[in-house]
Protein backbone atom coordinates (compact mmCIF):
# COMPACT_ATOMS: atom_id res chain seq x y z
CA MET A 1 112.95 -72.44 -0.98
CA GLN A 2 114.50 -71.95 -4.40
CA TYR A 3 116.77 -69.05 -5.35
CA ILE A 4 116.69 -67.87 -8.96
CA PHE A 5 119.21 -65.40 -10.38
CA HIS A 6 118.37 -63.65 -13.63
CA LEU A 7 121.82 -62.47 -14.71
CA GLY A 8 121.21 -59.95 -17.44
CA VAL A 9 123.70 -60.15 -20.25
CA HIS A 10 123.89 -56.63 -21.64
CA GLN A 11 121.34 -55.74 -24.34
CA THR A 12 118.97 -58.65 -23.64
CA ALA A 13 115.93 -56.65 -22.46
CA THR A 14 116.80 -56.95 -18.76
CA SER A 15 115.20 -53.57 -17.96
CA TYR A 16 111.99 -54.62 -19.72
CA VAL A 17 111.84 -57.86 -17.73
CA GLN A 18 112.37 -55.98 -14.45
CA HIS A 19 109.74 -53.38 -15.39
CA THR A 20 107.15 -56.05 -16.24
CA LEU A 21 107.80 -58.06 -13.08
CA THR A 22 107.55 -54.97 -10.86
CA HIS A 23 104.23 -53.95 -12.43
CA ASN A 24 102.89 -57.48 -11.86
CA LEU A 25 104.15 -57.81 -8.30
CA ASP A 26 100.78 -58.99 -6.92
CA ALA A 27 100.68 -61.80 -9.50
CA LEU A 28 104.20 -62.87 -8.50
CA ARG A 29 103.34 -62.81 -4.79
CA ALA A 30 100.21 -64.86 -5.41
CA GLN A 31 102.35 -67.58 -6.97
CA GLY A 32 104.89 -67.59 -4.16
CA VAL A 33 107.65 -65.54 -5.81
CA PHE A 34 109.58 -63.00 -3.75
CA PHE A 35 110.95 -60.51 -6.31
CA VAL A 36 113.91 -58.96 -4.52
CA ASN A 37 114.22 -55.96 -6.89
CA ALA A 38 110.77 -54.73 -5.81
CA GLU A 39 110.54 -56.14 -2.28
CA MET A 40 114.08 -55.28 -1.09
CA PRO A 41 115.68 -53.05 -3.76
CA LYS A 42 118.60 -52.08 -1.52
CA ALA A 43 119.78 -55.70 -1.61
CA VAL A 44 120.13 -55.58 -5.41
CA VAL A 45 121.97 -52.25 -5.13
CA ARG A 46 124.43 -53.86 -2.70
CA HIS A 47 124.95 -56.78 -5.10
CA ARG A 48 125.72 -54.34 -7.90
CA ARG A 49 128.17 -52.37 -5.77
CA VAL A 50 130.10 -55.47 -4.75
CA VAL A 51 130.37 -56.68 -8.34
CA ARG A 52 131.56 -53.27 -9.52
CA ARG A 53 134.24 -53.18 -6.82
CA LEU A 54 135.22 -56.71 -7.74
CA CYS A 55 135.74 -55.83 -11.42
CA ASP A 56 137.14 -52.31 -11.17
CA PRO A 57 140.97 -52.41 -10.94
CA ASN A 58 140.90 -49.02 -9.22
CA LYS A 59 138.86 -50.28 -6.26
CA PRO A 60 139.80 -52.66 -3.40
CA THR A 61 138.62 -56.24 -3.81
CA PRO A 62 135.55 -56.88 -1.63
CA ASP A 63 135.55 -59.68 0.92
CA ILE A 64 133.92 -62.94 -0.23
CA GLU A 65 131.54 -62.64 2.74
CA ALA A 66 130.48 -59.07 1.91
CA LEU A 67 126.92 -60.03 0.93
CA VAL A 68 126.21 -62.77 3.48
CA GLY A 69 124.24 -60.48 5.79
CA THR A 70 122.28 -59.01 2.90
CA ASN A 71 121.41 -62.43 1.49
CA HIS A 72 120.35 -63.75 4.90
CA ALA A 73 118.04 -60.74 5.27
CA VAL A 74 116.51 -61.50 1.86
CA ALA A 75 115.96 -65.15 2.81
CA ASP A 76 114.35 -64.13 6.11
CA GLY A 77 112.06 -61.66 4.31
CA ALA A 78 110.97 -64.31 1.82
CA ARG A 79 110.28 -66.87 4.53
CA ALA A 80 108.25 -64.33 6.51
CA VAL A 81 105.74 -64.02 3.65
CA GLY A 82 105.71 -67.73 2.85
CA ALA A 83 107.47 -67.44 -0.51
CA LYS A 84 108.56 -70.57 -2.38
CA LYS A 85 110.94 -68.83 -4.77
CA VAL A 86 113.29 -65.87 -4.44
CA LEU A 87 114.09 -64.01 -7.65
CA PHE A 88 117.01 -61.64 -8.16
CA SER A 89 117.29 -59.79 -11.48
CA ASN A 90 120.70 -58.18 -11.80
CA ASP A 91 121.99 -56.43 -14.90
CA TYR A 92 125.47 -56.38 -13.38
CA GLY A 93 125.61 -59.89 -11.94
CA LEU A 94 128.22 -61.13 -14.42
CA GLY A 95 130.39 -58.05 -14.19
CA PRO A 96 130.65 -55.16 -16.65
CA ALA A 97 130.13 -55.77 -20.35
CA MET A 98 133.12 -55.06 -22.60
CA HIS A 99 132.06 -51.51 -23.50
CA GLN A 100 131.47 -50.70 -19.83
CA ALA A 101 134.90 -52.03 -18.88
CA LEU A 102 136.74 -49.73 -21.30
CA PRO A 103 136.27 -46.55 -19.19
CA MET A 104 137.62 -48.49 -16.16
CA GLY A 105 141.00 -48.60 -17.89
CA LEU A 106 140.91 -52.34 -18.55
CA GLU A 107 143.07 -53.24 -21.55
CA ASN A 108 141.35 -55.38 -24.20
CA PRO A 109 138.34 -56.24 -21.97
CA ALA A 110 136.88 -59.69 -22.57
CA PHE A 111 133.46 -61.30 -22.37
CA TYR A 112 132.60 -61.48 -18.65
CA PRO A 113 135.97 -63.02 -17.66
CA ARG A 114 135.11 -62.98 -13.95
CA ALA A 115 131.49 -64.09 -14.19
CA HIS A 116 131.99 -67.15 -11.98
CA THR A 117 133.78 -65.05 -9.33
CA CYS A 118 131.03 -62.42 -9.40
CA PHE A 119 128.36 -65.07 -8.96
CA ARG A 120 130.22 -66.69 -6.05
CA HIS A 121 130.09 -63.32 -4.28
CA ILE A 122 126.41 -62.54 -4.93
CA VAL A 123 125.20 -66.02 -3.93
CA ARG A 124 127.30 -66.18 -0.75
CA GLY A 125 125.19 -67.21 2.22
CA LEU A 126 122.56 -68.89 0.02
CA PRO A 127 122.58 -72.60 -0.92
CA LEU A 128 123.95 -73.22 -4.43
CA ARG A 129 122.21 -76.61 -4.50
CA LYS A 130 118.88 -74.76 -4.34
CA SER A 131 119.84 -72.06 -6.85
CA ARG A 132 119.15 -71.55 -10.55
CA ILE A 133 120.51 -69.10 -13.12
CA LEU A 134 118.57 -67.62 -16.03
CA ILE A 135 120.62 -66.05 -18.84
CA TYR A 136 119.72 -64.83 -22.32
CA SER A 137 122.24 -65.13 -25.13
CA ARG A 138 122.85 -63.12 -28.30
CA ASN A 139 124.23 -63.71 -31.75
CA PRO A 140 127.88 -62.56 -31.34
CA GLU A 141 127.74 -60.17 -34.32
CA THR A 142 124.53 -58.40 -33.28
CA TYR A 143 125.72 -58.39 -29.67
CA LEU A 144 129.00 -56.68 -30.58
CA ALA A 145 127.22 -54.07 -32.72
CA SER A 146 124.81 -53.41 -29.82
CA LEU A 147 127.70 -52.92 -27.41
CA TYR A 148 129.30 -50.35 -29.70
CA SER A 149 126.00 -48.57 -30.29
CA GLU A 150 125.40 -48.34 -26.55
CA ALA A 151 128.94 -47.10 -25.89
CA ILE A 152 128.39 -44.26 -28.37
CA ARG A 153 124.88 -43.55 -27.03
CA LEU A 154 126.21 -43.16 -23.47
CA GLY A 155 129.35 -41.27 -24.48
CA LEU A 156 131.68 -43.99 -23.14
CA THR A 157 133.89 -43.84 -26.21
CA ASN A 158 134.44 -41.74 -29.31
CA MET A 159 136.16 -44.47 -31.35
CA ASP A 160 134.88 -45.65 -34.70
CA ILE A 161 133.59 -49.22 -34.82
CA ASP A 162 136.84 -50.60 -36.22
CA GLY A 163 138.81 -49.06 -33.35
CA PHE A 164 136.25 -50.31 -30.83
CA CYS A 165 136.53 -53.88 -32.10
CA ARG A 166 140.33 -53.68 -31.86
CA ALA A 167 140.07 -52.34 -28.29
CA VAL A 168 137.98 -55.24 -26.94
CA ALA A 169 138.47 -59.01 -27.02
CA PHE A 170 135.44 -59.53 -29.24
CA ASP A 171 136.44 -63.10 -30.14
CA SER A 172 135.96 -64.02 -26.46
CA ILE A 173 132.15 -63.71 -26.85
CA ASP A 174 131.13 -67.26 -25.99
CA PHE A 175 127.72 -67.87 -24.42
CA ASP A 176 128.11 -71.65 -24.26
CA GLY A 177 131.43 -71.22 -22.49
CA LEU A 178 129.81 -68.80 -20.05
CA ARG A 179 127.13 -71.36 -19.22
CA GLU A 180 129.76 -74.07 -18.67
CA ARG A 181 131.84 -71.85 -16.35
CA LEU A 182 128.82 -71.05 -14.20
CA SER A 183 127.53 -74.63 -14.20
CA ALA A 184 130.90 -75.81 -12.91
CA LEU A 185 130.40 -73.93 -9.63
CA HIS A 186 128.15 -76.68 -8.23
CA VAL A 187 126.96 -80.03 -9.49
CA ASP A 188 123.32 -79.16 -8.69
CA LEU A 189 123.42 -75.61 -10.06
CA ASN A 190 121.04 -75.36 -13.02
CA VAL A 191 121.85 -72.78 -15.71
CA THR A 192 119.08 -72.07 -18.24
CA MET A 193 120.08 -70.11 -21.33
CA ARG A 194 117.69 -68.80 -23.99
CA ALA A 195 118.17 -66.80 -27.17
CA HIS A 196 117.39 -63.10 -26.74
CA GLU A 197 116.40 -62.89 -30.40
CA ARG A 198 113.00 -64.32 -29.38
CA ILE A 199 112.12 -60.68 -28.61
CA ARG A 200 111.60 -60.29 -32.36
CA LEU A 201 108.53 -62.47 -31.99
CA GLY A 202 107.12 -59.79 -29.71
CA ALA A 203 107.73 -58.50 -26.20
CA GLU A 204 104.89 -60.58 -24.75
CA THR A 205 106.30 -63.79 -26.25
CA TYR A 206 109.69 -62.96 -24.78
CA MET A 207 108.20 -62.29 -21.35
CA ARG A 208 106.09 -65.45 -21.41
CA THR A 209 109.25 -67.45 -22.11
CA PHE A 210 110.88 -65.85 -19.08
CA LEU A 211 107.88 -66.63 -16.85
CA ARG A 212 107.82 -70.23 -18.06
CA ASP A 213 111.50 -70.58 -17.13
CA LEU A 214 110.67 -69.01 -13.78
CA GLY A 215 107.92 -71.59 -13.26
CA VAL A 216 105.13 -69.00 -13.10
CA GLN A 217 101.73 -69.02 -14.81
CA ALA A 218 101.28 -65.96 -17.03
CA HIS A 219 97.45 -65.87 -17.09
CA SER A 220 97.15 -63.03 -14.54
CA PHE A 221 99.98 -60.90 -15.91
CA VAL A 222 99.52 -57.61 -17.76
CA PHE A 223 102.10 -57.10 -20.52
CA SER A 224 103.25 -53.76 -21.87
CA SER A 225 105.19 -52.92 -25.00
CA ALA A 226 108.96 -53.11 -24.84
CA PRO A 227 110.58 -49.68 -24.93
CA ALA A 228 112.14 -48.93 -28.31
CA GLU A 229 115.92 -48.61 -28.13
CA ASP A 230 117.30 -50.01 -31.35
CA THR A 231 120.93 -50.05 -32.35
CA LEU A 232 121.79 -46.60 -33.63
CA ASP A 233 122.18 -46.35 -37.39
CA ALA A 234 125.47 -45.46 -39.09
CA ALA A 235 124.53 -41.80 -39.57
CA GLN A 236 123.55 -41.40 -35.91
CA ILE A 237 126.81 -42.98 -34.82
CA GLU A 238 128.80 -40.64 -37.04
CA ALA A 239 126.86 -37.60 -35.79
CA LEU A 240 127.39 -38.51 -32.13
CA ARG A 241 131.09 -39.12 -32.70
CA HIS A 242 131.44 -35.59 -34.05
CA ILE A 243 129.63 -34.12 -31.06
CA SER A 244 131.88 -33.57 -28.10
CA MET A 245 131.16 -35.82 -25.13
CA GLY A 246 130.78 -32.71 -23.01
CA SER A 247 133.77 -32.86 -20.65
CA ALA A 248 136.00 -30.64 -22.82
CA THR A 249 133.49 -27.98 -23.83
CA THR A 250 132.35 -24.71 -22.30
CA ARG A 251 128.81 -25.25 -23.60
CA PRO A 252 127.69 -28.60 -22.09
CA ALA A 253 123.99 -27.68 -22.29
CA LEU A 254 124.22 -27.22 -26.07
CA ILE A 255 126.16 -30.49 -26.44
CA LYS A 256 123.51 -32.34 -24.46
CA GLN A 257 120.77 -30.81 -26.59
CA LEU A 258 122.49 -31.89 -29.80
CA ARG A 259 123.05 -35.42 -28.47
CA ASP A 260 119.41 -35.71 -27.39
CA GLN A 261 118.24 -34.59 -30.81
CA VAL A 262 120.31 -37.28 -32.54
CA ILE A 263 119.27 -40.06 -30.15
CA SER A 264 115.56 -39.13 -30.20
CA HIS A 265 115.22 -40.00 -33.89
CA ALA A 266 114.34 -43.60 -34.79
CA PRO A 267 117.22 -45.42 -36.51
CA ASN A 268 117.01 -45.75 -40.29
CA PRO A 269 116.80 -49.50 -41.06
CA THR A 270 118.43 -48.97 -44.46
CA ASP A 271 121.48 -47.34 -42.86
CA ARG A 272 122.28 -50.03 -40.33
CA LEU A 273 125.47 -50.24 -38.37
CA VAL A 274 127.77 -52.85 -39.93
CA LEU A 275 130.77 -54.54 -38.35
CA PRO A 276 134.08 -54.35 -40.23
CA GLU A 277 134.44 -57.26 -42.64
CA TRP A 278 137.52 -58.58 -40.87
CA VAL A 279 135.55 -58.81 -37.61
CA SER A 280 132.69 -60.78 -39.21
CA ASP A 281 135.18 -63.12 -40.90
CA ARG A 282 136.98 -63.76 -37.62
CA LEU A 283 133.77 -64.39 -35.70
CA ARG A 284 132.63 -66.86 -38.37
CA SER A 285 135.97 -68.68 -38.29
CA VAL A 286 135.75 -69.02 -34.51
CA GLU A 287 132.19 -70.35 -34.79
CA GLN A 288 133.21 -72.86 -37.49
CA ALA A 289 136.12 -74.04 -35.35
CA GLU A 290 133.77 -74.60 -32.39
CA VAL A 291 131.32 -76.56 -34.54
CA ALA A 292 134.14 -78.72 -35.93
CA HIS A 293 135.35 -79.37 -32.38
CA PHE A 294 131.93 -80.57 -31.19
CA VAL A 295 131.49 -82.74 -34.31
CA LYS A 296 134.85 -84.36 -33.62
CA MET A 297 133.97 -84.90 -29.94
CA ALA A 298 130.65 -86.48 -30.92
CA ALA A 299 132.36 -88.76 -33.45
CA ASN A 300 134.93 -89.88 -30.88
CA SER A 301 132.16 -90.77 -28.43
CA LEU A 302 130.54 -93.20 -30.87
C-alpha cells in the first residue's frame, strides 16, 4: 500500500482540492484510494493539532510517537476496504505559514523552517519507503503578497505591507530548498512539486494535474468551479487596516459588518496590491544568485 501526503503550501488551492476529492469520494474508492480527510477526518485533525503544538513556542513539544496509534488505525481502515493508496491532504502539514506564525509571537518567522520535523511526526508509524509527497509551489512575489492579503483578511495583523515584509523572513521563501529538505528524509521518499500558477489555466486543469500526480483516472470525476478568493486590492487592504480588528472596540458587531462589506466586494484588478520595490529587488537578487550557483555547479560537473 502506498501513502501519499498532499502538504498544502498556503494559498495553493488546498481547500479546493479537498472539496473536489470529498465530492468525488465514490470515484476515489473505485480506484482504490482511501481519502483520509473524508473517511477518517479525526485523524487529519489530530495531525493538525500535533503540528501546531510542534510549532507553537507557547505549547509543549509533542512526543515523536504521538501519531503512531492514529496512523496505524488509518492503515488498518484502508486495508479493511482493500485500498491500494492512502491519501492525506493537510493544509498544516509543513507547519504554519509566515503570516500565521506572527500571532504566535515568533520573531521574523521563516518559510516552513520545521517542515522536515513536522513531516517526521505526521508520518510516524507509516513506512517512508512507501510514501510520497505532493506539494504545489508559488512565485515568491505573488506568494508573499497573498500571505499579506490573507493576514489582513483574517485580522492577524494591522501592519502595512512594508512593515509586514520587514517582520517576516521573506527571503527564506525557497520551494526547491523545501523539496530537498523533505527528500533528504529517506532515499526512497518521492517529492513531487508542481507550480500552483497552473490554476490560471482553469480549476479543472489544476485538479486534473493533481489527479494525474495521484495516479487516478479523472474520467468519472465531476469538477466544480474554484471558489473566488483573490488577493485583496490596495484599497481593500487600506480600508481593512483602518477598521479595528474587533478586540478593542465596544461595537464588535458593527466592526464585523464593516469588514464583511469590504471583503465581499471583488478586488479591482487595476488597483492591485504591490510589494515594496526594495522587496522585489531583493527577491530578484536572491533568485539571480541561485541561478548563478546552479550554472556554476553544472559547469563544474562537465
